[in-house]
């Protein structure tokens, strides 16, 4: 289901505070799954994850562009699949950190922070 067709229950679920998983592909093609915080911008069609530029997840996302994020709460779950863009320009990182702080908490400073987005 595209975000443009998403109902209010979908959007409400993605506004709630839940831990998510990010799945990227390693160089050998095997999945790399990590717990992350994700923010959803349905108007822009973007899900954002913040991480350091040198993390395995950022390197995998940059190399393949293929990602999936999944959020689960009991019997409720939602998976978003798409193409990743790794951004490290200050404006994109600041926007990702602002959205993360709204949903979770102010993120800890990370050297060489970057922002990944999908779909």
Protein backbone atom coordinates (compact mmCIF):
# COMPACT_ATOMS: atom_id res chain seq x y z
CA UNK A 1 0.00 0.00 0.00
CA UNK A 2 1.42 3.39 -0.94
CA UNK A 3 1.41 6.12 1.67
CA UNK A 4 -0.94 8.16 -0.49
CA UNK A 5 -3.55 5.43 0.10
CA UNK A 6 -2.79 5.00 3.79
CA UNK A 7 -5.67 5.27 6.20
CA UNK A 8 -5.77 7.12 9.48
CA UNK A 9 -5.04 3.96 11.52
CA UNK A 10 -1.82 3.45 9.52
CA UNK A 11 -0.73 7.05 10.11
CA UNK A 12 -1.66 6.89 13.81
CA UNK A 13 0.37 3.70 14.22
CA UNK A 14 3.42 5.38 12.67
CA UNK A 15 3.03 8.41 14.98
CA UNK A 16 3.08 6.19 18.08
CA UNK A 17 6.44 5.60 19.74
CA UNK A 18 7.67 2.14 18.72
CA UNK A 19 11.07 0.66 18.06
CA UNK A 20 11.50 -0.55 14.49
CA UNK A 21 13.88 -2.70 12.50
CA UNK A 22 15.84 -1.67 9.44
CA UNK A 23 16.81 -4.37 6.98
CA UNK A 24 19.59 -3.72 4.49
CA UNK A 25 21.60 -6.09 2.33
CA UNK A 26 25.20 -6.98 3.08
CA UNK A 27 27.72 -7.16 0.21
CA UNK A 28 27.11 -10.93 0.00
CA UNK A 29 23.34 -10.34 -0.35
CA UNK A 30 22.39 -11.62 3.10
CA UNK A 31 20.06 -9.46 5.22
CA UNK A 32 21.41 -7.18 7.94
CA UNK A 33 18.66 -6.35 10.46
CA UNK A 34 19.13 -3.72 13.17
CA UNK A 35 16.84 -2.01 15.70
CA UNK A 36 16.29 1.66 14.85
CA UNK A 37 13.98 4.56 15.39
CA UNK A 38 12.07 5.57 12.26
CA UNK A 39 10.13 8.71 11.48
CA UNK A 40 7.53 8.79 8.74
CA UNK A 41 6.75 11.81 6.57
CA UNK A 42 3.71 10.64 4.59
CA UNK A 43 3.35 13.94 2.70
CA UNK A 44 6.86 13.55 1.27
CA UNK A 45 6.68 9.75 1.04
CA UNK A 46 9.79 9.42 3.21
CA UNK A 47 10.73 7.26 6.18
CA UNK A 48 13.87 8.51 7.94
CA UNK A 49 16.50 6.71 10.01
CA UNK A 50 19.45 8.48 11.61
CA UNK A 51 22.82 6.79 11.94
CA UNK A 52 26.52 7.50 11.57
CA UNK A 53 27.93 7.58 8.05
CA UNK A 54 30.34 4.72 8.83
CA UNK A 55 27.73 2.32 10.23
CA UNK A 56 27.14 -0.98 8.45
CA UNK A 57 23.50 -0.02 7.80
CA UNK A 58 24.46 3.27 6.13
CA UNK A 59 27.13 1.58 4.01
CA UNK A 60 24.71 -1.19 2.98
CA UNK A 61 21.95 1.30 2.14
CA UNK A 62 24.32 3.43 0.09
CA UNK A 63 25.66 0.41 -1.78
CA UNK A 64 22.37 -1.27 -2.73
CA UNK A 65 19.69 1.35 -2.17
CA UNK A 66 17.35 -1.43 -1.00
CA UNK A 67 15.83 -1.26 2.48
CA UNK A 68 12.83 -2.24 4.55
CA UNK A 69 11.69 -0.85 7.88
CA UNK A 70 9.25 -2.71 10.08
CA UNK A 71 7.36 -1.56 13.16
CA UNK A 72 5.52 -4.02 15.40
CA UNK A 73 3.29 -3.72 18.44
CA UNK A 74 1.68 -7.00 19.46
CA UNK A 75 -0.58 -8.08 16.59
CA UNK A 76 -0.17 -4.76 14.77
CA UNK A 77 2.70 -4.35 12.35
CA UNK A 78 3.65 -2.39 9.28
CA UNK A 79 6.53 -2.81 6.85
CA UNK A 80 7.73 -0.16 4.43
CA UNK A 81 10.00 -1.22 1.58
CA UNK A 82 11.78 1.10 -0.78
CA UNK A 83 14.88 2.73 -2.15
CA UNK A 84 17.29 4.35 0.30
CA UNK A 85 19.14 7.59 -0.13
CA UNK A 86 21.92 8.27 2.38
CA UNK A 87 22.23 11.98 3.06
CA UNK A 88 24.89 13.75 5.06
CA UNK A 89 24.21 17.36 4.17
CA UNK A 90 23.61 19.41 7.34
CA UNK A 91 20.04 20.46 6.46
CA UNK A 92 18.89 16.88 5.81
CA UNK A 93 20.57 15.60 8.98
CA UNK A 94 19.05 18.43 11.07
CA UNK A 95 15.56 17.69 9.71
CA UNK A 96 15.95 13.96 10.43
CA UNK A 97 17.18 14.69 13.96
CA UNK A 98 14.30 17.13 14.57
CA UNK A 99 11.73 14.53 13.53
CA UNK A 100 13.45 11.83 15.59
CA UNK A 101 13.37 14.09 18.67
CA UNK A 102 9.62 14.66 18.19
CA UNK A 103 8.87 10.93 18.09
CA UNK A 104 11.49 9.49 20.45
CA UNK A 105 13.96 11.80 22.21
CA UNK A 106 16.80 14.15 21.33
CA UNK A 107 19.35 11.90 19.62
CA UNK A 108 22.82 11.50 21.06
CA UNK A 109 25.44 13.37 19.05
CA UNK A 110 27.22 11.13 16.58
CA UNK A 111 30.33 11.97 14.64
CA UNK A 112 29.70 12.20 10.91
CA UNK A 113 25.94 11.77 11.27
CA UNK A 114 23.92 10.93 8.20
CA UNK A 115 20.27 10.45 7.40
CA UNK A 116 18.84 7.56 5.39
CA UNK A 117 15.43 7.75 3.86
CA UNK A 118 13.07 5.47 2.03
CA UNK A 119 10.90 4.66 0.06
